[in-house]
């Protein structure tokens, strides 16, 4: 592994695995081998390659870049920032391709894997500031699901109670069901009146659900 100095950029180099990328890069005077890590001293952003997918790099600021053209079939010489999209939970995602293999990856997980290390067993990605759009490495960490939920509650993004789009009742109805159940009304009667199943009423009364409601 060699260190190459290109202007203000310091680049560590190794030979790429993909022969098409290698053929294209060897014809370029400014990039004769693929970047393992590049530090832009003017912006303080560090870039690291995705080992399993040559031609892609990840920035410490949460950006994802590709050296492939829009068709995905020919390696180019200039890095192109990928826009990506968002998954069903609202987290940024990208699709990485190599020899017909496609990987749908969350950007935050890619950043942590390359700049921090592999995901510890049982851990999840946590955004320290609560913003799903901020995938800079300084804003991310591996942590437990319990810690992640605590973060969301602190940031006001935890979907519980009426904020949960799947909620079948309101907080007022929850209190009413509990009050009337304590007064002796039957579960089947409460279920019929409020239009929910008996299991929903039972879970509310036993506080298996709606724990946020006193």
Protein backbone atom coordinates (compact mmCIF):
# COMPACT_ATOMS: atom_id res chain seq x y z
CA UNK A 1 0.00 0.00 0.00
CA UNK A 2 1.48 3.32 -1.09
CA UNK A 3 0.76 6.89 -0.01
CA UNK A 4 0.24 9.38 -2.84
CA UNK A 5 0.11 13.19 -2.52
CA UNK A 6 -2.09 14.96 -5.06
CA UNK A 7 -2.16 18.71 -4.37
CA UNK A 8 -3.93 19.18 -1.04
CA UNK A 9 -5.32 15.63 -1.04
CA UNK A 10 -3.49 12.80 0.70
CA UNK A 11 -4.44 9.44 -0.77
CA UNK A 12 -3.57 5.91 0.32
CA UNK A 13 -3.67 3.57 -2.64
CA UNK A 14 -4.22 -0.09 -3.48
CA UNK A 15 -5.03 -1.93 -6.68
CA UNK A 16 -8.80 -2.24 -7.40
CA UNK A 17 -10.42 -5.64 -7.64
CA UNK A 18 -12.77 -4.87 -10.55
CA UNK A 19 -10.86 -5.20 -13.89
CA UNK A 20 -13.03 -2.62 -15.66
CA UNK A 21 -12.34 -0.03 -13.00
CA UNK A 22 -8.65 -0.97 -13.06
CA UNK A 23 -8.42 -0.56 -16.85
CA UNK A 24 -10.05 2.87 -16.73
CA UNK A 25 -7.95 4.13 -13.85
CA UNK A 26 -4.63 3.08 -15.37
CA UNK A 27 -5.33 5.40 -18.33
CA UNK A 28 -5.73 8.40 -16.03
CA UNK A 29 -2.64 10.38 -15.00
CA UNK A 30 -4.28 11.60 -11.79
CA UNK A 31 -5.68 8.30 -10.57
CA UNK A 32 -3.50 5.26 -11.34
CA UNK A 33 -4.92 3.24 -8.44
CA UNK A 34 -8.11 3.27 -6.41
CA UNK A 35 -8.45 5.40 -3.29
CA UNK A 36 -8.53 3.63 0.02
CA UNK A 37 -8.73 6.86 2.01
CA UNK A 38 -8.59 10.48 0.92
CA UNK A 39 -8.51 13.53 3.15
CA UNK A 40 -9.51 16.91 1.78
CA UNK A 41 -7.64 19.37 3.98
CA UNK A 42 -9.79 22.30 2.87
CA UNK A 43 -13.08 20.74 3.98
CA UNK A 44 -11.77 18.23 6.55
CA UNK A 45 -13.77 15.45 4.90
CA UNK A 46 -12.20 11.99 4.75
CA UNK A 47 -13.23 9.44 2.12
CA UNK A 48 -12.96 5.67 2.33
CA UNK A 49 -13.66 3.04 -0.29
CA UNK A 50 -16.32 0.36 0.08
CA UNK A 51 -14.15 -2.82 -0.05
CA UNK A 52 -16.77 -5.15 -1.52
CA UNK A 53 -17.86 -2.62 -4.17
CA UNK A 54 -14.90 -1.03 -6.05
CA UNK A 55 -15.73 2.35 -7.56
CA UNK A 56 -17.68 3.60 -4.53
CA UNK A 57 -16.47 5.72 -1.62
CA UNK A 58 -18.05 7.09 1.56
CA UNK A 59 -17.32 10.50 3.06
CA UNK A 60 -17.03 11.19 6.77
CA UNK A 61 -19.73 13.82 6.19
CA UNK A 62 -22.21 11.12 5.16
CA UNK A 63 -21.92 11.54 1.40
CA UNK A 64 -21.71 8.57 -0.97
CA UNK A 65 -19.75 8.79 -4.23
CA UNK A 66 -19.40 6.65 -7.35
CA UNK A 67 -16.91 6.48 -10.24
CA UNK A 68 -19.42 4.72 -12.48
CA UNK A 69 -21.52 6.46 -15.10
CA UNK A 70 -25.27 6.81 -14.82
CA UNK A 71 -25.69 3.54 -16.76
CA UNK A 72 -23.54 1.74 -14.19
CA UNK A 73 -21.58 -0.15 -16.88
CA UNK A 74 -18.45 1.93 -17.42
CA UNK A 75 -15.99 3.32 -14.91
CA UNK A 76 -15.40 7.06 -15.09
CA UNK A 77 -12.50 9.19 -13.90
CA UNK A 78 -14.31 11.71 -11.68
CA UNK A 79 -16.16 10.97 -8.48
CA UNK A 80 -19.92 11.60 -8.71
CA UNK A 81 -22.01 12.17 -5.59
CA UNK A 82 -24.99 9.83 -5.32
CA UNK A 83 -28.33 11.31 -4.32
CA UNK A 84 -29.82 8.01 -3.14
CA UNK A 85 -33.25 7.95 -1.56
CA UNK A 86 -35.03 7.09 1.67
CA UNK A 87 -36.37 3.81 2.96
CA UNK A 88 -39.80 3.22 4.48
CA UNK A 89 -38.57 4.47 7.86
CA UNK A 90 -37.21 7.73 6.47
CA UNK A 91 -33.50 6.85 6.63
CA UNK A 92 -31.15 7.68 3.73
CA UNK A 93 -30.24 4.71 1.53
CA UNK A 94 -28.20 3.95 -1.60
CA UNK A 95 -27.83 1.02 -3.97
CA UNK A 96 -24.32 -0.29 -4.62
CA UNK A 97 -23.69 -2.52 -7.64
CA UNK A 98 -20.93 -4.89 -8.71
CA UNK A 99 -21.05 -7.60 -11.37
CA UNK A 100 -24.81 -7.93 -11.14
CA UNK A 101 -24.83 -7.91 -7.33
CA UNK A 102 -26.86 -5.12 -5.75
CA UNK A 103 -26.69 -4.05 -2.12
CA UNK A 104 -29.40 -1.82 -0.66
CA UNK A 105 -27.65 -0.07 2.20
CA UNK A 106 -28.53 2.58 4.73
CA UNK A 107 -26.02 5.40 4.50
CA UNK A 108 -25.59 5.67 8.28
CA UNK A 109 -24.64 2.00 8.56
CA UNK A 110 -22.13 2.32 5.70
CA UNK A 111 -20.49 5.31 7.38
CA UNK A 112 -20.14 3.50 10.71
CA UNK A 113 -18.85 0.29 9.12
CA UNK A 114 -16.08 2.13 7.26
CA UNK A 115 -15.07 4.74 9.83
CA UNK A 116 -15.79 3.00 13.16
CA UNK A 117 -15.91 -0.73 12.51
CA UNK A 118 -18.27 -3.65 12.03
CA UNK A 119 -21.64 -3.58 13.76
CA UNK A 120 -21.33 -5.12 17.26
CA UNK A 121 -23.75 -7.96 17.91
CA UNK A 122 -27.16 -6.68 18.97
CA UNK A 123 -26.44 -3.03 18.26
CA UNK A 124 -28.26 -0.50 16.07
CA UNK A 125 -27.35 2.81 14.43
CA UNK A 126 -28.02 5.85 16.63
CA UNK A 127 -28.19 9.46 15.41
CA UNK A 128 -26.92 11.62 18.25
CA UNK A 129 -28.88 14.73 17.23
CA UNK A 130 -32.05 12.85 16.27
CA UNK A 131 -31.89 13.86 12.58
CA UNK A 132 -32.16 10.97 10.14
CA UNK A 133 -30.65 13.19 7.43
CA UNK A 134 -27.40 13.84 9.33
CA UNK A 135 -25.23 10.81 8.57
CA UNK A 136 -21.87 12.43 9.38
CA UNK A 137 -19.66 10.06 11.35
CA UNK A 138 -19.47 12.55 14.23
CA UNK A 139 -23.25 12.25 14.61
CA UNK A 140 -23.42 8.44 14.58
CA UNK A 141 -22.67 5.60 16.96
CA UNK A 142 -23.38 1.91 17.46
CA UNK A 143 -25.52 1.42 20.55
CA UNK A 144 -28.32 -0.71 22.01
CA UNK A 145 -31.95 -0.51 20.96
CA UNK A 146 -32.78 0.69 24.48
CA UNK A 147 -30.36 3.61 24.10
CA UNK A 148 -31.78 4.38 20.66
CA UNK A 149 -35.31 4.58 22.06
CA UNK A 150 -34.07 6.82 24.89
CA UNK A 151 -32.53 9.12 22.26
CA UNK A 152 -35.81 9.27 20.33
CA UNK A 153 -37.77 10.11 23.45
CA UNK A 154 -35.30 12.87 24.29
CA UNK A 155 -35.51 14.24 20.75
CA UNK A 156 -39.30 13.92 20.57
CA UNK A 157 -39.24 11.53 17.62
CA UNK A 158 -40.39 8.35 19.39
CA UNK A 159 -43.72 7.23 17.86
CA UNK A 160 -45.77 6.23 20.87
CA UNK A 161 -49.33 6.85 21.94
CA UNK A 162 -51.39 8.92 19.52
CA UNK A 163 -48.25 9.79 17.55
CA UNK A 164 -48.09 6.21 16.34
CA UNK A 165 -49.81 6.02 12.96
CA UNK A 166 -51.12 2.53 13.81
CA UNK A 167 -52.86 3.60 17.02
CA UNK A 168 -56.44 2.34 17.13
CA UNK A 169 -57.61 4.53 20.02
CA UNK A 170 -56.80 7.88 21.60
CA UNK A 171 -55.37 8.64 25.03
CA UNK A 172 -58.81 9.75 26.22
CA UNK A 173 -60.32 6.43 25.18
CA UNK A 174 -57.49 4.55 26.89
CA UNK A 175 -58.22 6.32 30.17
CA UNK A 176 -61.94 5.69 29.76
CA UNK A 177 -61.47 1.99 29.06
CA UNK A 178 -59.24 1.59 32.13
CA UNK A 179 -61.64 3.53 34.36
CA UNK A 180 -64.69 1.57 33.33
CA UNK A 181 -62.86 -1.77 33.48
CA UNK A 182 -61.83 -0.95 37.06
CA UNK A 183 -65.51 -0.28 37.79
CA UNK A 184 -66.40 -3.78 36.70
CA UNK A 185 -67.42 -3.47 33.05
CA UNK A 186 -66.67 -6.54 30.97
CA UNK A 187 -63.95 -6.62 28.31
CA UNK A 188 -66.41 -7.84 25.65
CA UNK A 189 -68.71 -4.86 26.31
CA UNK A 190 -65.87 -2.33 26.11
CA UNK A 191 -64.61 -4.00 22.95
CA UNK A 192 -67.99 -3.68 21.25
CA UNK A 193 -68.53 -0.07 22.33
CA UNK A 194 -65.13 1.28 21.25
CA UNK A 195 -64.81 -0.85 18.11
CA UNK A 196 -61.59 -2.66 18.99
CA UNK A 197 -60.79 -6.30 19.65
CA UNK A 198 -60.96 -7.87 23.09
CA UNK A 199 -57.19 -8.40 23.02
CA UNK A 200 -56.65 -4.66 22.48
CA UNK A 201 -58.87 -3.84 25.47
CA UNK A 202 -57.13 -6.46 27.59
CA UNK A 203 -53.66 -5.16 26.69
CA UNK A 204 -54.72 -1.59 27.52
CA UNK A 205 -56.14 -2.58 30.89
CA UNK A 206 -53.11 -4.71 31.82
CA UNK A 207 -50.81 -1.88 30.61
CA UNK A 208 -49.00 -4.08 28.16
CA UNK A 209 -49.71 -1.25 25.70
CA UNK A 210 -50.15 2.51 26.11
CA UNK A 211 -47.67 2.58 28.99
CA UNK A 212 -47.15 6.27 28.28
CA UNK A 213 -50.69 7.04 29.49
CA UNK A 214 -50.97 7.34 33.27
